Amino acid sequence: MFIKQSPKDRKPKKQKSKKQEEYKEWMTPDEMMKLSRDYVLEHEGLKIPTWDEVIENGREWDDTIGWDNYGYRICDLSGGMQVPFTGLLYELFDDGDLGWYGYYEDGLEIREDVEFWGSGEVRVYHGPGIYYEWRVDGNIRVARVRNEKDLYLHIAKNGKITRLTWAGIHGLHSGYYDLD
């Protein structure tokens, strides 16, 4: 037999903590616009070289470029040696359009690396302390927030914010999460 508890004997309902509530944040349309690709590139002073500048001043990733034995540094593998790469490195899509570029010193990334959509529009901008990833239409998908937990904000098409750790971001790229 079930005996109904009196109100004074019941456990109080747990209040939602601020931490739980912050996972239900939504961006306003104006905030979303300020994270759009065009707005960020114009107002954040991010300098994206033209494809011609990248190709003229860089080196294409080919069979003579690869990782060292530890998977830590980008190396020039020509001549049978692993010489850490210094300079601008880029990769082309199969159709010849620029797919990606990055700057390296002694095999380590030192400045921004940028990925492009097949249309030529910037898809990812990753620089020191900055990470933006945009959808094809130019709306923000992921923005990095540099704090003690090094969290990332995943921003759904409708403006809902989900906070993810570095492992969560890798899960997005691997298809483990479907937040859109």
C-alpha atoms as a PDB file:
ATOM      1  CA  MET A   1       0.000   0.000   0.000  1.00  0.00           C
ATOM      2  CA  PHE A   2       1.208   3.469  -0.875  1.00  0.00           C
ATOM      3  CA  ILE A   3       0.943   6.214   1.732  1.00  0.00           C
ATOM      4  CA  LYS A   4       1.001   9.722   0.372  1.00  0.00           C
ATOM      5  CA  GLN A   5       3.526  11.965   2.122  1.00  0.00           C
ATOM      6  CA  SER A   6       2.393  15.169   3.668  1.00  0.00           C
ATOM      7  CA  PRO A   7       3.842  18.326   2.114  1.00  0.00           C
ATOM      8  CA  LYS A   8       6.160  18.863   5.096  1.00  0.00           C
ATOM      9  CA  ASP A   9       7.678  15.347   4.658  1.00  0.00           C
ATOM     10  CA  ARG A  10       8.443  15.743   0.941  1.00  0.00           C
ATOM     11  CA  LYS A  11      11.913  16.610  -0.229  1.00  0.00           C
ATOM     12  CA  PRO A  12      12.105  20.072  -1.720  1.00  0.00           C
ATOM     13  CA  LYS A  13      12.519  20.213  -5.492  1.00  0.00           C
ATOM     14  CA  LYS A  14      16.048  20.934  -6.576  1.00  0.00           C
ATOM     15  CA  GLN A  15      16.566  24.394  -7.912  1.00  0.00           C
ATOM     16  CA  LYS A  16      18.336  24.548 -11.246  1.00  0.00           C
ATOM     17  CA  SER A  17      21.800  25.881 -10.808  1.00  0.00           C
ATOM     18  CA  LYS A  18      23.084  28.785 -12.847  1.00  0.00           C
ATOM     19  CA  LYS A  19      25.469  26.377 -14.500  1.00  0.00           C
ATOM     20  CA  GLN A  20      22.573  24.238 -15.730  1.00  0.00           C
ATOM     21  CA  GLU A  21      20.675  27.295 -16.934  1.00  0.00           C
ATOM     22  CA  GLU A  22      23.585  28.713 -18.924  1.00  0.00           C
ATOM     23  CA  TYR A  23      23.388  25.715 -21.266  1.00  0.00           C
ATOM     24  CA  LYS A  24      20.041  26.994 -22.457  1.00  0.00           C
ATOM     25  CA  GLU A  25      21.282  30.318 -23.772  1.00  0.00           C
ATOM     26  CA  TRP A  26      20.052  31.735 -27.040  1.00  0.00           C
ATOM     27  CA  MET A  27      21.679  34.357 -29.204  1.00  0.00           C
ATOM     28  CA  THR A  28      19.706  37.279 -30.509  1.00  0.00           C
ATOM     29  CA  PRO A  29      19.638  37.831 -34.285  1.00  0.00           C
ATOM     30  CA  ASP A  30      21.900  40.873 -33.783  1.00  0.00           C
ATOM     31  CA  GLU A  31      24.452  38.797 -31.832  1.00  0.00           C
ATOM     32  CA  MET A  32      24.328  36.113 -34.535  1.00  0.00           C
ATOM     33  CA  MET A  33      24.959  38.755 -37.193  1.00  0.00           C
ATOM     34  CA  LYS A  34      28.032  40.013 -35.307  1.00  0.00           C
ATOM     35  CA  LEU A  35      29.511  36.513 -35.529  1.00  0.00           C
ATOM     36  CA  SER A  36      28.724  36.088 -39.228  1.00  0.00           C
ATOM     37  CA  ARG A  37      31.692  35.517 -41.525  1.00  0.00           C
ATOM     38  CA  ASP A  38      31.423  38.867 -43.326  1.00  0.00           C
ATOM     39  CA  TYR A  39      31.063  40.861 -40.109  1.00  0.00           C
ATOM     40  CA  VAL A  40      33.950  39.095 -38.325  1.00  0.00           C
ATOM     41  CA  LEU A  41      36.321  39.377 -41.291  1.00  0.00           C
ATOM     42  CA  GLU A  42      35.552  43.072 -41.649  1.00  0.00           C
ATOM     43  CA  HIS A  43      35.471  44.126 -37.990  1.00  0.00           C
ATOM     44  CA  GLU A  44      38.008  41.821 -36.328  1.00  0.00           C
ATOM     45  CA  GLY A  45      40.807  42.844 -38.677  1.00  0.00           C
ATOM     46  CA  LEU A  46      41.475  39.269 -39.807  1.00  0.00           C
ATOM     47  CA  LYS A  47      43.672  39.431 -42.881  1.00  0.00           C
ATOM     48  CA  ILE A  48      43.020  36.676 -45.396  1.00  0.00           C
ATOM     49  CA  PRO A  49      45.510  36.688 -48.280  1.00  0.00           C
ATOM     50  CA  THR A  50      44.207  36.107 -51.780  1.00  0.00           C
ATOM     51  CA  TRP A  51      44.582  32.663 -53.313  1.00  0.00           C
ATOM     52  CA  ASP A  52      47.202  34.059 -55.678  1.00  0.00           C
ATOM     53  CA  GLU A  53      49.233  35.426 -52.736  1.00  0.00           C
ATOM     54  CA  VAL A  54      49.073  32.091 -50.935  1.00  0.00           C
ATOM     55  CA  ILE A  55      50.114  30.110 -54.015  1.00  0.00           C
ATOM     56  CA  GLU A  56      52.850  32.602 -54.921  1.00  0.00           C
ATOM     57  CA  ASN A  57      54.359  32.733 -51.405  1.00  0.00           C
ATOM     58  CA  GLY A  58      53.599  29.239 -50.137  1.00  0.00           C
ATOM     59  CA  ARG A  59      54.332  25.621 -50.789  1.00  0.00           C
ATOM     60  CA  GLU A  60      51.719  23.059 -51.723  1.00  0.00           C
ATOM     61  CA  TRP A  61      51.280  20.059 -49.453  1.00  0.00           C
ATOM     62  CA  ASP A  62      52.415  17.103 -51.550  1.00  0.00           C
ATOM     63  CA  ASP A  63      54.203  13.781 -51.097  1.00  0.00           C
ATOM     64  CA  THR A  64      57.349  15.568 -49.889  1.00  0.00           C
ATOM     65  CA  ILE A  65      55.505  17.128 -46.906  1.00  0.00           C
ATOM     66  CA  GLY A  66      54.295  15.094 -43.935  1.00  0.00           C
ATOM     67  CA  TRP A  67      54.375  14.556 -40.209  1.00  0.00           C
ATOM     68  CA  ASP A  68      57.478  13.573 -38.260  1.00  0.00           C
ATOM     69  CA  ASN A  69      57.681  10.091 -36.716  1.00  0.00           C
ATOM     70  CA  TYR A  70      55.845  11.336 -33.621  1.00  0.00           C
ATOM     71  CA  GLY A  71      53.014  13.071 -35.503  1.00  0.00           C
ATOM     72  CA  TYR A  72      54.019  16.325 -33.863  1.00  0.00           C
ATOM     73  CA  ARG A  73      55.718  18.508 -36.483  1.00  0.00           C
ATOM     74  CA  ILE A  74      55.120  19.161 -40.156  1.00  0.00           C
ATOM     75  CA  CYS A  75      58.294  18.194 -42.024  1.00  0.00           C
ATOM     76  CA  ASP A  76      59.871  18.406 -45.444  1.00  0.00           C
ATOM     77  CA  LEU A  77      60.501  14.746 -46.235  1.00  0.00           C
ATOM     78  CA  SER A  78      62.393  15.249 -49.499  1.00  0.00           C
ATOM     79  CA  GLY A  79      65.884  13.797 -49.527  1.00  0.00           C
ATOM     80  CA  GLY A  80      64.964  11.088 -47.032  1.00  0.00           C
ATOM     81  CA  MET A  81      65.249  13.471 -44.045  1.00  0.00           C
ATOM     82  CA  GLN A  82      62.613  14.897 -41.697  1.00  0.00           C
ATOM     83  CA  VAL A  83      63.360  18.611 -41.743  1.00  0.00           C
ATOM     84  CA  PRO A  84      60.798  20.687 -39.790  1.00  0.00           C
ATOM     85  CA  PHE A  85      58.943  22.916 -42.245  1.00  0.00           C
ATOM     86  CA  THR A  86      59.069  26.702 -41.996  1.00  0.00           C
ATOM     87  CA  GLY A  87      56.854  28.869 -44.175  1.00  0.00           C
ATOM     88  CA  LEU A  88      53.407  29.056 -45.670  1.00  0.00           C
ATOM     89  CA  LEU A  89      51.852  25.713 -46.528  1.00  0.00           C
ATOM     90  CA  TYR A  90      48.651  25.190 -48.495  1.00  0.00           C
ATOM     91  CA  GLU A  91      46.483  22.465 -49.964  1.00  0.00           C
ATOM     92  CA  LEU A  92      44.251  22.564 -53.027  1.00  0.00           C
ATOM     93  CA  PHE A  93      40.929  20.855 -53.635  1.00  0.00           C
ATOM     94  CA  ASP A  94      40.816  18.324 -56.481  1.00  0.00           C
ATOM     95  CA  ASP A  95      39.361  21.029 -58.761  1.00  0.00           C
ATOM     96  CA  GLY A  96      42.369  23.303 -58.094  1.00  0.00           C
ATOM     97  CA  ASP A  97      40.643  25.708 -55.692  1.00  0.00           C
ATOM     98  CA  LEU A  98      42.380  26.610 -52.442  1.00  0.00           C
ATOM     99  CA  GLY A  99      41.240  24.307 -49.635  1.00  0.00           C
ATOM    100  CA  TRP A 100      43.455  25.326 -46.740  1.00  0.00           C
ATOM    101  CA  TYR A 101      46.584  27.254 -45.741  1.00  0.00           C
ATOM    102  CA  GLY A 102      48.660  27.694 -42.584  1.00  0.00           C
ATOM    103  CA  TYR A 103      51.916  29.266 -41.390  1.00  0.00           C
ATOM    104  CA  TYR A 104      54.611  27.127 -39.767  1.00  0.00           C
ATOM    105  CA  GLU A 105      57.962  27.602 -38.061  1.00  0.00           C
ATOM    106  CA  ASP A 106      60.114  24.595 -37.229  1.00  0.00           C
ATOM    107  CA  GLY A 107      57.147  22.383 -38.103  1.00  0.00           C
ATOM    108  CA  LEU A 108      54.742  24.048 -35.652  1.00  0.00           C
ATOM    109  CA  GLU A 109      51.842  26.299 -36.498  1.00  0.00           C
ATOM    110  CA  ILE A 110      52.688  29.892 -35.575  1.00  0.00           C
ATOM    111  CA  ARG A 111      49.906  31.973 -37.098  1.00  0.00           C
ATOM    112  CA  GLU A 112      46.453  31.408 -38.449  1.00  0.00           C
ATOM    113  CA  ASP A 113      45.332  28.497 -40.491  1.00  0.00           C
ATOM    114  CA  VAL A 114      42.297  28.956 -42.686  1.00  0.00           C
ATOM    115  CA  GLU A 115      40.006  26.430 -44.375  1.00  0.00           C
ATOM    116  CA  PHE A 116      37.725  27.262 -47.279  1.00  0.00           C
ATOM    117  CA  TRP A 117      34.443  26.001 -48.655  1.00  0.00           C
ATOM    118  CA  GLY A 118      34.518  24.847 -52.292  1.00  0.00           C
ATOM    119  CA  SER A 119      32.932  28.212 -53.148  1.00  0.00           C
ATOM    120  CA  GLY A 120      36.072  29.980 -51.917  1.00  0.00           C
ATOM    121  CA  GLU A 121      34.404  31.418 -48.816  1.00  0.00           C
ATOM    122  CA  VAL A 122      36.200  31.033 -45.486  1.00  0.00           C
ATOM    123  CA  ARG A 123      34.938  27.990 -43.542  1.00  0.00           C
ATOM    124  CA  VAL A 124      37.319  28.037 -40.531  1.00  0.00           C
ATOM    125  CA  TYR A 125      39.593  30.727 -39.170  1.00  0.00           C
ATOM    126  CA  HIS A 126      41.916  29.459 -36.442  1.00  0.00           C
ATOM    127  CA  GLY A 127      44.492  31.840 -35.019  1.00  0.00           C
ATOM    128  CA  PRO A 128      46.187  32.370 -31.671  1.00  0.00           C
ATOM    129  CA  GLY A 129      43.325  32.337 -29.152  1.00  0.00           C
ATOM    130  CA  ILE A 130      40.692  32.623 -31.888  1.00  0.00           C
ATOM    131  CA  TYR A 131      38.560  29.938 -33.496  1.00  0.00           C
ATOM    132  CA  TYR A 132      35.595  30.584 -35.776  1.00  0.00           C
ATOM    133  CA  GLU A 133      33.772  28.060 -37.925  1.00  0.00           C
ATOM    134  CA  TRP A 134      31.033  29.192 -40.296  1.00  0.00           C
ATOM    135  CA  ARG A 135      28.306  27.433 -42.223  1.00  0.00           C
ATOM    136  CA  VAL A 136      28.130  27.660 -46.020  1.00  0.00           C
ATOM    137  CA  ASP A 137      25.689  30.589 -45.730  1.00  0.00           C
ATOM    138  CA  GLY A 138      28.194  32.549 -43.573  1.00  0.00           C
ATOM    139  CA  ASN A 139      26.386  32.118 -40.251  1.00  0.00           C
ATOM    140  CA  ILE A 140      28.466  31.129 -37.245  1.00  0.00           C
ATOM    141  CA  ARG A 141      28.633  27.454 -36.290  1.00  0.00           C
ATOM    142  CA  VAL A 142      31.380  27.348 -33.643  1.00  0.00           C
ATOM    143  CA  ALA A 143      33.201  30.093 -31.755  1.00  0.00           C
ATOM    144  CA  ARG A 144      35.987  29.459 -29.285  1.00  0.00           C
ATOM    145  CA  VAL A 145      35.739  31.042 -25.857  1.00  0.00           C
ATOM    146  CA  ARG A 146      39.098  31.347 -24.130  1.00  0.00           C
ATOM    147  CA  ASN A 147      38.547  30.890 -20.403  1.00  0.00           C
ATOM    148  CA  GLU A 148      39.772  28.649 -17.612  1.00  0.00           C
ATOM    149  CA  LYS A 149      37.878  25.697 -19.098  1.00  0.00           C
ATOM    150  CA  ASP A 150      38.751  26.585 -22.718  1.00  0.00           C
ATOM    151  CA  LEU A 151      35.161  26.052 -23.828  1.00  0.00           C
ATOM    152  CA  TYR A 152      33.732  26.319 -27.293  1.00  0.00           C
ATOM    153  CA  LEU A 153      30.303  27.609 -28.166  1.00  0.00           C
ATOM    154  CA  HIS A 154      28.400  25.628 -30.753  1.00  0.00           C
ATOM    155  CA  ILE A 155      25.694  27.851 -32.160  1.00  0.00           C
ATOM    156  CA  ALA A 156      22.752  26.118 -33.803  1.00  0.00           C
ATOM    157  CA  LYS A 157      21.023  27.637 -36.827  1.00  0.00           C
ATOM    158  CA  ASN A 158      18.235  28.864 -34.559  1.00  0.00           C
ATOM    159  CA  GLY A 159      20.709  30.611 -32.224  1.00  0.00           C
ATOM    160  CA  LYS A 160      20.736  28.060 -29.384  1.00  0.00           C
ATOM    161  CA  ILE A 161      24.133  27.906 -27.693  1.00  0.00           C
ATOM    162  CA  THR A 162      25.662  24.622 -26.583  1.00  0.00           C
ATOM    163  CA  ARG A 163      28.923  24.669 -24.662  1.00  0.00           C
ATOM    164  CA  LEU A 164      31.418  21.987 -25.632  1.00  0.00           C
ATOM    165  CA  THR A 165      34.890  21.010 -24.538  1.00  0.00           C
ATOM    166  CA  TRP A 166      37.699  20.244 -26.975  1.00  0.00           C
ATOM    167  CA  ALA A 167      36.610  16.564 -26.999  1.00  0.00           C
ATOM    168  CA  GLY A 168      33.071  17.666 -27.807  1.00  0.00           C
ATOM    169  CA  ILE A 169      34.276  19.706 -30.757  1.00  0.00           C
ATOM    170  CA  HIS A 170      36.153  16.683 -32.095  1.00  0.00           C
ATOM    171  CA  GLY A 171      32.929  14.725 -31.661  1.00  0.00           C
ATOM    172  CA  LEU A 172      31.153  17.278 -33.857  1.00  0.00           C
ATOM    173  CA  HIS A 173      33.729  16.769 -36.590  1.00  0.00           C
ATOM    174  CA  SER A 174      33.446  12.999 -36.206  1.00  0.00           C
ATOM    175  CA  GLY A 175      29.650  13.032 -36.412  1.00  0.00           C
ATOM    176  CA  TYR A 176      29.062  11.992 -32.784  1.00  0.00           C
ATOM    177  CA  TYR A 177      26.951  15.065 -32.095  1.00  0.00           C
ATOM    178  CA  ASP A 178      24.197  16.463 -34.250  1.00  0.00           C
ATOM    179  CA  LEU A 179      23.387  19.815 -32.709  1.00  0.00           C
ATOM    180  CA  ASP A 180      21.956  21.524 -35.768  1.00  0.00           C
END
